[in-house]
Amino acid sequence: MTFKQMCTGVTFTYTREQGRVLIRIIVLIPLILSLLWIGYLKANNYTLDQGKQGFIYIFVISSVIGLFYTLMLFLTH
């Protein structure tokens, strides 16, 4: 038992299924955001080339979220 577990009284067992769910979330976030962005562009009669900067923002934000989740996974495992 680690010091943190003794202090909080909380134990956390990481399962393989939880890892699969985390990977699905990390993959789905940019996919859903991109689909929403495409929908917005189509609804307002913009081309995909005009919305390129939005896709860059989606990529950067999704990367930060993915890196944060990955870091938390390794820190808490």
C-alpha atoms as a PDB file:
ATOM      1  CA  MET A   1       0.000   0.000   0.000  1.00  0.00           C
ATOM      2  CA  THR A   2       1.376   3.391  -0.943  1.00  0.00           C
ATOM      3  CA  PHE A   3       1.525   6.440   1.290  1.00  0.00           C
ATOM      4  CA  LYS A   4      -1.176   8.126  -0.785  1.00  0.00           C
ATOM      5  CA  GLN A   5      -3.513   5.164  -0.350  1.00  0.00           C
ATOM      6  CA  MET A   6      -2.890   5.125   3.401  1.00  0.00           C
ATOM      7  CA  CYS A   7      -3.688   8.842   3.689  1.00  0.00           C
ATOM      8  CA  THR A   8      -6.800   8.835   1.530  1.00  0.00           C
ATOM      9  CA  GLY A   9      -8.043   5.331   2.155  1.00  0.00           C
ATOM     10  CA  VAL A  10      -8.693   5.039  -1.577  1.00  0.00           C
ATOM     11  CA  THR A  11      -7.298   2.279  -3.725  1.00  0.00           C
ATOM     12  CA  PHE A  12      -7.616   2.332  -7.496  1.00  0.00           C
ATOM     13  CA  THR A  13      -7.084  -0.672  -9.678  1.00  0.00           C
ATOM     14  CA  TYR A  14      -6.593   0.169 -13.345  1.00  0.00           C
ATOM     15  CA  THR A  15      -8.091  -2.430 -15.632  1.00  0.00           C
ATOM     16  CA  ARG A  16      -7.442  -3.121 -19.289  1.00  0.00           C
ATOM     17  CA  GLU A  17     -11.046  -2.231 -20.149  1.00  0.00           C
ATOM     18  CA  GLN A  18     -10.617   1.233 -18.631  1.00  0.00           C
ATOM     19  CA  GLY A  19      -7.560   1.704 -20.840  1.00  0.00           C
ATOM     20  CA  ARG A  20      -9.608   0.854 -23.918  1.00  0.00           C
ATOM     21  CA  VAL A  21     -12.266   3.354 -22.931  1.00  0.00           C
ATOM     22  CA  LEU A  22      -9.628   6.039 -22.419  1.00  0.00           C
ATOM     23  CA  ILE A  23      -8.159   5.388 -25.868  1.00  0.00           C
ATOM     24  CA  ARG A  24     -11.637   5.568 -27.423  1.00  0.00           C
ATOM     25  CA  ILE A  25     -12.256   8.917 -25.744  1.00  0.00           C
ATOM     26  CA  ILE A  26      -8.909  10.282 -26.896  1.00  0.00           C
ATOM     27  CA  VAL A  27      -9.698   9.216 -30.480  1.00  0.00           C
ATOM     28  CA  LEU A  28     -13.317  10.364 -30.442  1.00  0.00           C
ATOM     29  CA  ILE A  29     -12.661  13.902 -29.182  1.00  0.00           C
ATOM     30  CA  PRO A  30     -10.939  15.181 -32.364  1.00  0.00           C
ATOM     31  CA  LEU A  31     -13.279  13.179 -34.581  1.00  0.00           C
ATOM     32  CA  ILE A  32     -16.416  14.665 -33.033  1.00  0.00           C
ATOM     33  CA  LEU A  33     -14.964  18.176 -32.959  1.00  0.00           C
ATOM     34  CA  SER A  34     -13.960  17.911 -36.614  1.00  0.00           C
ATOM     35  CA  LEU A  35     -17.412  16.697 -37.630  1.00  0.00           C
ATOM     36  CA  LEU A  36     -19.015  19.572 -35.749  1.00  0.00           C
ATOM     37  CA  TRP A  37     -16.618  22.013 -37.424  1.00  0.00           C
ATOM     38  CA  ILE A  38     -17.421  20.607 -40.871  1.00  0.00           C
ATOM     39  CA  GLY A  39     -21.124  20.959 -40.089  1.00  0.00           C
ATOM     40  CA  TYR A  40     -20.625  24.566 -39.061  1.00  0.00           C
ATOM     41  CA  LEU A  41     -18.664  25.342 -42.217  1.00  0.00           C
ATOM     42  CA  LYS A  42     -21.290  23.715 -44.453  1.00  0.00           C
ATOM     43  CA  ALA A  43     -24.162  25.474 -42.666  1.00  0.00           C
ATOM     44  CA  ASN A  44     -22.524  28.879 -43.181  1.00  0.00           C
ATOM     45  CA  ASN A  45     -21.390  28.199 -46.780  1.00  0.00           C
ATOM     46  CA  TYR A  46     -17.656  28.187 -46.051  1.00  0.00           C
ATOM     47  CA  THR A  47     -15.205  25.910 -47.824  1.00  0.00           C
ATOM     48  CA  LEU A  48     -13.004  23.446 -45.971  1.00  0.00           C
ATOM     49  CA  ASP A  49      -9.992  25.490 -47.085  1.00  0.00           C
ATOM     50  CA  GLN A  50     -11.449  28.551 -45.369  1.00  0.00           C
ATOM     51  CA  GLY A  51     -11.916  26.541 -42.166  1.00  0.00           C
ATOM     52  CA  LYS A  52      -8.377  25.139 -42.132  1.00  0.00           C
ATOM     53  CA  GLN A  53      -7.368  27.218 -39.100  1.00  0.00           C
ATOM     54  CA  GLY A  54     -10.229  25.665 -37.110  1.00  0.00           C
ATOM     55  CA  PHE A  55      -8.914  22.188 -37.857  1.00  0.00           C
ATOM     56  CA  ILE A  56      -5.497  23.265 -36.611  1.00  0.00           C
ATOM     57  CA  TYR A  57      -7.089  24.490 -33.355  1.00  0.00           C
ATOM     58  CA  ILE A  58      -8.972  21.191 -33.018  1.00  0.00           C
ATOM     59  CA  PHE A  59      -5.738  19.235 -33.518  1.00  0.00           C
ATOM     60  CA  VAL A  60      -3.836  21.301 -30.952  1.00  0.00           C
ATOM     61  CA  ILE A  61      -6.603  21.194 -28.324  1.00  0.00           C
ATOM     62  CA  SER A  62      -7.140  17.457 -28.827  1.00  0.00           C
ATOM     63  CA  SER A  63      -3.396  16.837 -28.539  1.00  0.00           C
ATOM     64  CA  VAL A  64      -3.243  18.738 -25.263  1.00  0.00           C
ATOM     65  CA  ILE A  65      -6.213  16.778 -23.900  1.00  0.00           C
ATOM     66  CA  GLY A  66      -4.656  13.485 -25.027  1.00  0.00           C
ATOM     67  CA  LEU A  67      -1.305  14.333 -23.484  1.00  0.00           C
ATOM     68  CA  PHE A  68      -2.990  15.336 -20.228  1.00  0.00           C
ATOM     69  CA  TYR A  69      -4.949  12.062 -20.039  1.00  0.00           C
ATOM     70  CA  THR A  70      -1.818  10.074 -20.877  1.00  0.00           C
ATOM     71  CA  LEU A  71       0.200  11.895 -18.217  1.00  0.00           C
ATOM     72  CA  MET A  72      -2.517  11.313 -15.622  1.00  0.00           C
ATOM     73  CA  LEU A  73      -2.660   7.643 -16.565  1.00  0.00           C
ATOM     74  CA  PHE A  74       1.061   7.187 -15.936  1.00  0.00           C
ATOM     75  CA  LEU A  75       1.092   9.330 -12.784  1.00  0.00           C
ATOM     76  CA  THR A  76      -1.828   7.530 -11.155  1.00  0.00           C
ATOM     77  CA  HIS A  77      -1.028   3.999 -12.291  1.00  0.00           C
END
